[in-house]
Amino acid sequence: MYTFKIHLNKEEEGGYMASVPALPGCITQGESIEEAIEMAKEAIELYVEELRDRGERIPDDSNTLEYSLNLELA
């Protein structure tokens, strides 16, 4: 089993961009958060399939910790 973090960013023109930090260039989008997540799952599957076909290592985020820090700066 692999673990992948998905970053979702709300786009100014609407919808959400989804990127997968462990897989460089794995970026997609959706009109809603749910759609962006589904599109990300599909993009991850295709990306991993391509890595397997080329015999490359499949990176994942199972050992990655993430923390959001909120700072009020003057």
PDB file of N, CA and C in Angstrom:
ATOM      1  N   MET A   1       0.842  -1.178   0.000  1.00  0.00           N
ATOM      2  CA  MET A   1       0.000   0.000   0.000  1.00  0.00           C
ATOM      3  C   MET A   1       0.886   1.239   0.000  1.00  0.00           C
ATOM      4  N   TYR A   2       0.494   2.225  -0.766  1.00  0.00           N
ATOM      5  CA  TYR A   2       1.225   3.484  -0.869  1.00  0.00           C
ATOM      6  C   TYR A   2       0.382   4.607  -0.282  1.00  0.00           C
ATOM      7  N   THR A   3       1.051   5.604   0.251  1.00  0.00           N
ATOM      8  CA  THR A   3       0.387   6.783   0.806  1.00  0.00           C
ATOM      9  C   THR A   3       0.824   8.003   0.010  1.00  0.00           C
ATOM     10  N   PHE A   4      -0.144   8.775  -0.449  1.00  0.00           N
ATOM     11  CA  PHE A   4       0.148   9.987  -1.200  1.00  0.00           C
ATOM     12  C   PHE A   4      -0.620  11.157  -0.613  1.00  0.00           C
ATOM     13  N   LYS A   5       0.085  12.232  -0.328  1.00  0.00           N
ATOM     14  CA  LYS A   5      -0.559  13.464   0.098  1.00  0.00           C
ATOM     15  C   LYS A   5      -1.023  14.204  -1.155  1.00  0.00           C
ATOM     16  N   ILE A   6      -2.178  14.822  -1.040  1.00  0.00           N
ATOM     17  CA  ILE A   6      -2.726  15.615  -2.135  1.00  0.00           C
ATOM     18  C   ILE A   6      -2.899  17.036  -1.614  1.00  0.00           C
ATOM     19  N   HIS A   7      -2.329  17.999  -2.311  1.00  0.00           N
ATOM     20  CA  HIS A   7      -2.522  19.401  -1.961  1.00  0.00           C
ATOM     21  C   HIS A   7      -3.626  19.960  -2.846  1.00  0.00           C
ATOM     22  N   LEU A   8      -4.620  20.571  -2.230  1.00  0.00           N
ATOM     23  CA  LEU A   8      -5.724  21.185  -2.966  1.00  0.00           C
ATOM     24  C   LEU A   8      -5.630  22.692  -2.826  1.00  0.00           C
ATOM     25  N   ASN A   9      -5.680  23.389  -3.935  1.00  0.00           N
ATOM     26  CA  ASN A   9      -5.641  24.846  -3.947  1.00  0.00           C
ATOM     27  C   ASN A   9      -6.858  25.371  -4.690  1.00  0.00           C
ATOM     28  N   LYS A  10      -7.600  26.252  -4.023  1.00  0.00           N
ATOM     29  CA  LYS A  10      -8.763  26.858  -4.669  1.00  0.00           C
ATOM     30  C   LYS A  10      -8.276  27.838  -5.726  1.00  0.00           C
ATOM     31  N   GLU A  11      -8.818  27.721  -6.918  1.00  0.00           N
ATOM     32  CA  GLU A  11      -8.422  28.577  -8.031  1.00  0.00           C
ATOM     33  C   GLU A  11      -9.319  29.814  -8.081  1.00  0.00           C
ATOM     34  N   GLU A  12      -8.739  30.945  -8.433  1.00  0.00           N
ATOM     35  CA  GLU A  12      -9.495  32.198  -8.508  1.00  0.00           C
ATOM     36  C   GLU A  12     -10.666  32.111  -9.488  1.00  0.00           C
ATOM     37  N   GLU A  13     -10.450  31.422 -10.596  1.00  0.00           N
ATOM     38  CA  GLU A  13     -11.493  31.320 -11.614  1.00  0.00           C
ATOM     39  C   GLU A  13     -12.519  30.231 -11.308  1.00  0.00           C
ATOM     40  N   GLY A  14     -12.328  29.534 -10.181  1.00  0.00           N
ATOM     41  CA  GLY A  14     -13.249  28.481  -9.759  1.00  0.00           C
ATOM     42  C   GLY A  14     -12.593  27.115  -9.819  1.00  0.00           C
ATOM     43  N   GLY A  15     -13.099  26.212  -9.047  1.00  0.00           N
ATOM     44  CA  GLY A  15     -12.564  24.866  -9.011  1.00  0.00           C
ATOM     45  C   GLY A  15     -11.332  24.763  -8.135  1.00  0.00           C
ATOM     46  N   TYR A  16     -10.718  23.582  -8.159  1.00  0.00           N
ATOM     47  CA  TYR A  16      -9.567  23.290  -7.313  1.00  0.00           C
ATOM     48  C   TYR A  16      -8.475  22.604  -8.114  1.00  0.00           C
ATOM     49  N   MET A  17      -7.248  23.011  -7.857  1.00  0.00           N
ATOM     50  CA  MET A  17      -6.102  22.335  -8.435  1.00  0.00           C
ATOM     51  C   MET A  17      -5.601  21.334  -7.397  1.00  0.00           C
ATOM     52  N   ALA A  18      -5.295  20.128  -7.837  1.00  0.00           N
ATOM     53  CA  ALA A  18      -4.767  19.084  -6.956  1.00  0.00           C
ATOM     54  C   ALA A  18      -3.374  18.708  -7.441  1.00  0.00           C
ATOM     55  N   SER A  19      -2.412  18.712  -6.514  1.00  0.00           N
ATOM     56  CA  SER A  19      -1.060  18.292  -6.853  1.00  0.00           C
ATOM     57  C   SER A  19      -0.604  17.236  -5.854  1.00  0.00           C
ATOM     58  N   VAL A  20       0.318  16.389  -6.300  1.00  0.00           N
ATOM     59  CA  VAL A  20       0.823  15.289  -5.493  1.00  0.00           C
ATOM     60  C   VAL A  20       2.322  15.498  -5.326  1.00  0.00           C
ATOM     61  N   PRO A  21       2.754  16.022  -4.173  1.00  0.00           N
ATOM     62  CA  PRO A  21       4.165  16.371  -3.991  1.00  0.00           C
ATOM     63  C   PRO A  21       5.148  15.223  -4.218  1.00  0.00           C
ATOM     64  N   ALA A  22       4.778  14.007  -3.871  1.00  0.00           N
ATOM     65  CA  ALA A  22       5.688  12.871  -4.030  1.00  0.00           C
ATOM     66  C   ALA A  22       5.899  12.491  -5.493  1.00  0.00           C
ATOM     67  N   LEU A  23       5.011  12.962  -6.360  1.00  0.00           N
ATOM     68  CA  LEU A  23       5.074  12.623  -7.780  1.00  0.00           C
ATOM     69  C   LEU A  23       5.197  13.913  -8.595  1.00  0.00           C
ATOM     70  N   PRO A  24       6.415  14.375  -8.845  1.00  0.00           N
ATOM     71  CA  PRO A  24       6.619  15.641  -9.547  1.00  0.00           C
ATOM     72  C   PRO A  24       5.852  15.712 -10.864  1.00  0.00           C
ATOM     73  N   GLY A  25       5.121  16.809 -11.036  1.00  0.00           N
ATOM     74  CA  GLY A  25       4.361  17.002 -12.260  1.00  0.00           C
ATOM     75  C   GLY A  25       2.987  16.361 -12.246  1.00  0.00           C
ATOM     76  N   CYS A  26       2.639  15.674 -11.179  1.00  0.00           N
ATOM     77  CA  CYS A  26       1.320  15.033 -11.073  1.00  0.00           C
ATOM     78  C   CYS A  26       0.338  16.083 -10.551  1.00  0.00           C
ATOM     79  N   ILE A  27      -0.326  16.751 -11.492  1.00  0.00           N
ATOM     80  CA  ILE A  27      -1.230  17.854 -11.187  1.00  0.00           C
ATOM     81  C   ILE A  27      -2.499  17.673 -12.006  1.00  0.00           C
ATOM     82  N   THR A  28      -3.635  17.941 -11.375  1.00  0.00           N
ATOM     83  CA  THR A  28      -4.915  17.862 -12.073  1.00  0.00           C
ATOM     84  C   THR A  28      -5.852  18.873 -11.440  1.00  0.00           C
ATOM     85  N   GLN A  29      -7.099  18.872 -11.856  1.00  0.00           N
ATOM     86  CA  GLN A  29      -8.053  19.814 -11.289  1.00  0.00           C
ATOM     87  C   GLN A  29      -9.456  19.249 -11.327  1.00  0.00           C
ATOM     88  N   GLY A  30     -10.351  19.901 -10.585  1.00  0.00           N
ATOM     89  CA  GLY A  30     -11.752  19.519 -10.562  1.00  0.00           C
ATOM     90  C   GLY A  30     -12.598  20.710 -10.175  1.00  0.00           C
ATOM     91  N   GLU A  31     -13.858  20.657 -10.519  1.00  0.00           N
ATOM     92  CA  GLU A  31     -14.778  21.749 -10.198  1.00  0.00           C
ATOM     93  C   GLU A  31     -15.089  21.816  -8.707  1.00  0.00           C
ATOM     94  N   SER A  32     -15.040  20.674  -8.017  1.00  0.00           N
ATOM     95  CA  SER A  32     -15.298  20.615  -6.577  1.00  0.00           C
ATOM     96  C   SER A  32     -14.134  19.899  -5.903  1.00  0.00           C
ATOM     97  N   ILE A  33     -14.090  19.957  -4.583  1.00  0.00           N
ATOM     98  CA  ILE A  33     -13.045  19.238  -3.855  1.00  0.00           C
ATOM     99  C   ILE A  33     -13.135  17.749  -4.152  1.00  0.00           C
ATOM    100  N   GLU A  34     -14.346  17.218  -4.126  1.00  0.00           N
ATOM    101  CA  GLU A  34     -14.543  15.786  -4.375  1.00  0.00           C
ATOM    102  C   GLU A  34     -14.061  15.391  -5.764  1.00  0.00           C
ATOM    103  N   GLU A  35     -14.391  16.216  -6.762  1.00  0.00           N
ATOM    104  CA  GLU A  35     -13.959  15.917  -8.128  1.00  0.00           C
ATOM    105  C   GLU A  35     -12.441  16.023  -8.259  1.00  0.00           C
ATOM    106  N   ALA A  36     -11.844  17.019  -7.611  1.00  0.00           N
ATOM    107  CA  ALA A  36     -10.387  17.175  -7.669  1.00  0.00           C
ATOM    108  C   ALA A  36      -9.696  15.971  -7.036  1.00  0.00           C
ATOM    109  N   ILE A  37     -10.239  15.452  -5.944  1.00  0.00           N
ATOM    110  CA  ILE A  37      -9.664  14.264  -5.299  1.00  0.00           C
ATOM    111  C   ILE A  37      -9.788  13.050  -6.211  1.00  0.00           C
ATOM    112  N   GLU A  38     -10.942  12.878  -6.837  1.00  0.00           N
ATOM    113  CA  GLU A  38     -11.128  11.751  -7.757  1.00  0.00           C
ATOM    114  C   GLU A  38     -10.176  11.851  -8.941  1.00  0.00           C
ATOM    115  N   MET A  39     -10.010  13.053  -9.459  1.00  0.00           N
ATOM    116  CA  MET A  39      -9.086  13.250 -10.581  1.00  0.00           C
ATOM    117  C   MET A  39      -7.649  12.975 -10.135  1.00  0.00           C
ATOM    118  N   ALA A  40      -7.314  13.349  -8.901  1.00  0.00           N
ATOM    119  CA  ALA A  40      -5.971  13.085  -8.373  1.00  0.00           C
ATOM    120  C   ALA A  40      -5.731  11.585  -8.251  1.00  0.00           C
ATOM    121  N   LYS A  41      -6.732  10.837  -7.785  1.00  0.00           N
ATOM    122  CA  LYS A  41      -6.591   9.378  -7.694  1.00  0.00           C
ATOM    123  C   LYS A  41      -6.281   8.791  -9.064  1.00  0.00           C
ATOM    124  N   GLU A  42      -7.001   9.232 -10.073  1.00  0.00           N
ATOM    125  CA  GLU A  42      -6.784   8.733 -11.433  1.00  0.00           C
ATOM    126  C   GLU A  42      -5.385   9.110 -11.928  1.00  0.00           C
ATOM    127  N   ALA A  43      -4.981  10.354 -11.673  1.00  0.00           N
ATOM    128  CA  ALA A  43      -3.655  10.810 -12.105  1.00  0.00           C
ATOM    129  C   ALA A  43      -2.551  10.012 -11.407  1.00  0.00           C
ATOM    130  N   ILE A  44      -2.729   9.726 -10.127  1.00  0.00           N
ATOM    131  CA  ILE A  44      -1.743   8.933  -9.378  1.00  0.00           C
ATOM    132  C   ILE A  44      -1.633   7.536  -9.975  1.00  0.00           C
ATOM    133  N   GLU A  45      -2.771   6.912 -10.242  1.00  0.00           N
ATOM    134  CA  GLU A  45      -2.762   5.562 -10.815  1.00  0.00           C
ATOM    135  C   GLU A  45      -2.005   5.539 -12.142  1.00  0.00           C
ATOM    136  N   LEU A  46      -2.259   6.517 -13.009  1.00  0.00           N
ATOM    137  CA  LEU A  46      -1.574   6.575 -14.302  1.00  0.00           C
ATOM    138  C   LEU A  46      -0.080   6.833 -14.125  1.00  0.00           C
ATOM    139  N   TYR A  47       0.265   7.712 -13.206  1.00  0.00           N
ATOM    140  CA  TYR A  47       1.669   8.049 -12.942  1.00  0.00           C
ATOM    141  C   TYR A  47       2.411   6.816 -12.439  1.00  0.00           C
ATOM    142  N   VAL A  48       1.820   6.115 -11.474  1.00  0.00           N
ATOM    143  CA  VAL A  48       2.451   4.919 -10.904  1.00  0.00           C
ATOM    144  C   VAL A  48       2.573   3.820 -11.954  1.00  0.00           C
ATOM    145  N   GLU A  49       1.555   3.671 -12.793  1.00  0.00           N
ATOM    146  CA  GLU A  49       1.613   2.674 -13.871  1.00  0.00           C
ATOM    147  C   GLU A  49       2.793   2.955 -14.794  1.00  0.00           C
ATOM    148  N   GLU A  50       2.996   4.231 -15.111  1.00  0.00           N
ATOM    149  CA  GLU A  50       4.121   4.619 -15.970  1.00  0.00           C
ATOM    150  C   GLU A  50       5.455   4.312 -15.292  1.00  0.00           C
ATOM    151  N   LEU A  51       5.572   4.608 -13.997  1.00  0.00           N
ATOM    152  CA  LEU A  51       6.804   4.294 -13.257  1.00  0.00           C
ATOM    153  C   LEU A  51       7.073   2.790 -13.279  1.00  0.00           C
ATOM    154  N   ARG A  52       6.041   1.994 -13.059  1.00  0.00           N
ATOM    155  CA  ARG A  52       6.192   0.523 -13.079  1.00  0.00           C
ATOM    156  C   ARG A  52       6.642   0.047 -14.454  1.00  0.00           C
ATOM    157  N   ASP A  53       6.034   0.586 -15.505  1.00  0.00           N
ATOM    158  CA  ASP A  53       6.392   0.184 -16.865  1.00  0.00           C
ATOM    159  C   ASP A  53       7.862   0.469 -17.166  1.00  0.00           C
ATOM    160  N   ARG A  54       8.389   1.538 -16.582  1.00  0.00           N
ATOM    161  CA  ARG A  54       9.788   1.904 -16.795  1.00  0.00           C
ATOM    162  C   ARG A  54      10.723   1.264 -15.780  1.00  0.00           C
ATOM    163  N   GLY A  55      10.158   0.503 -14.831  1.00  0.00           N
ATOM    164  CA  GLY A  55      10.973  -0.167 -13.819  1.00  0.00           C
ATOM    165  C   GLY A  55      11.552   0.778 -12.777  1.00  0.00           C
ATOM    166  N   GLU A  56      10.902   1.920 -12.592  1.00  0.00           N
ATOM    167  CA  GLU A  56      11.391   2.903 -11.634  1.00  0.00           C
ATOM    168  C   GLU A  56      10.741   2.712 -10.260  1.00  0.00           C
ATOM    169  N   ARG A  57      11.426   3.225  -9.251  1.00  0.00           N
ATOM    170  CA  ARG A  57      10.925   3.171  -7.877  1.00  0.00           C
ATOM    171  C   ARG A  57       9.681   4.053  -7.747  1.00  0.00           C
ATOM    172  N   ILE A  58       8.728   3.613  -6.937  1.00  0.00           N
ATOM    173  CA  ILE A  58       7.514   4.378  -6.710  1.00  0.00           C
ATOM    174  C   ILE A  58       7.640   5.091  -5.363  1.00  0.00           C
ATOM    175  N   PRO A  59       7.808   6.411  -5.381  1.00  0.00           N
ATOM    176  CA  PRO A  59       7.914   7.153  -4.122  1.00  0.00           C
ATOM    177  C   PRO A  59       6.533   7.317  -3.495  1.00  0.00           C
ATOM    178  N   ASP A  60       6.492   7.505  -2.191  1.00  0.00           N
ATOM    179  CA  ASP A  60       5.223   7.805  -1.541  1.00  0.00           C
ATOM    180  C   ASP A  60       5.482   8.669  -0.309  1.00  0.00           C
ATOM    181  N   ASP A  61       4.416   9.018   0.379  1.00  0.00           N
ATOM    182  CA  ASP A  61       4.502   9.912   1.522  1.00  0.00           C
ATOM    183  C   ASP A  61       4.326   9.207   2.860  1.00  0.00           C
ATOM    184  N   SER A  62       4.537   7.894   2.904  1.00  0.00           N
ATOM    185  CA  SER A  62       4.285   7.168   4.149  1.00  0.00           C
ATOM    186  C   SER A  62       5.195   7.603   5.289  1.00  0.00           C
ATOM    187  N   ASN A  63       6.362   8.152   5.000  1.00  0.00           N
ATOM    188  CA  ASN A  63       7.278   8.615   6.050  1.00  0.00           C
ATOM    189  C   ASN A  63       7.380  10.133   6.110  1.00  0.00           C
ATOM    190  N   THR A  64       6.431  10.818   5.487  1.00  0.00           N
ATOM    191  CA  THR A  64       6.443  12.269   5.457  1.00  0.00           C
ATOM    192  C   THR A  64       5.446  12.818   6.466  1.00  0.00           C
ATOM    193  N   LEU A  65       5.917  13.738   7.277  1.00  0.00           N
ATOM    194  CA  LEU A  65       5.035  14.429   8.212  1.00  0.00           C
ATOM    195  C   LEU A  65       4.723  15.801   7.645  1.00  0.00           C
ATOM    196  N   GLU A  66       3.544  16.281   7.920  1.00  0.00           N
ATOM    197  CA  GLU A  66       3.160  17.584   7.419  1.00  0.00           C
ATOM    198  C   GLU A  66       2.502  18.376   8.533  1.00  0.00           C
ATOM    199  N   TYR A  67       2.831  19.641   8.578  1.00  0.00           N
ATOM    200  CA  TYR A  67       2.286  20.509   9.608  1.00  0.00           C
ATOM    201  C   TYR A  67       1.980  21.862   8.987  1.00  0.00           C
ATOM    202  N   SER A  68       0.832  22.405   9.288  1.00  0.00           N
ATOM    203  CA  SER A  68       0.488  23.754   8.821  1.00  0.00           C
ATOM    204  C   SER A  68       0.724  24.725   9.960  1.00  0.00           C
ATOM    205  N   LEU A  69       1.481  25.741   9.682  1.00  0.00           N
ATOM    206  CA  LEU A  69       1.818  26.746  10.684  1.00  0.00           C
ATOM    207  C   LEU A  69       1.178  28.064  10.294  1.00  0.00           C
ATOM    208  N   ASN A  70       0.373  28.610  11.193  1.00  0.00           N
ATOM    209  CA  ASN A  70      -0.266  29.897  10.966  1.00  0.00           C
ATOM    210  C   ASN A  70       0.455  30.963  11.785  1.00  0.00           C
ATOM    211  N   LEU A  71       0.921  31.999  11.101  1.00  0.00           N
ATOM    212  CA  LEU A  71       1.623  33.087  11.758  1.00  0.00           C
ATOM    213  C   LEU A  71       0.938  34.398  11.460  1.00  0.00           C
ATOM    214  N   GLU A  72       0.805  35.216  12.454  1.00  0.00           N
ATOM    215  CA  GLU A  72       0.294  36.559  12.247  1.00  0.00           C
ATOM    216  C   GLU A  72       1.507  37.482  12.236  1.00  0.00           C
ATOM    217  N   LEU A  73       1.837  37.971  11.066  1.00  0.00           N
ATOM    218  CA  LEU A  73       3.027  38.796  10.907  1.00  0.00           C
ATOM    219  C   LEU A  73       2.638  40.257  10.803  1.00  0.00           C
ATOM    220  N   ALA A  74       3.407  41.093  11.488  1.00  0.00           N
ATOM    221  CA  ALA A  74       3.125  42.539  11.467  1.00  0.00           C
ATOM    222  C   ALA A  74       3.820  43.212  10.309  1.00  0.00           C
TER     223      ALA A  74
END
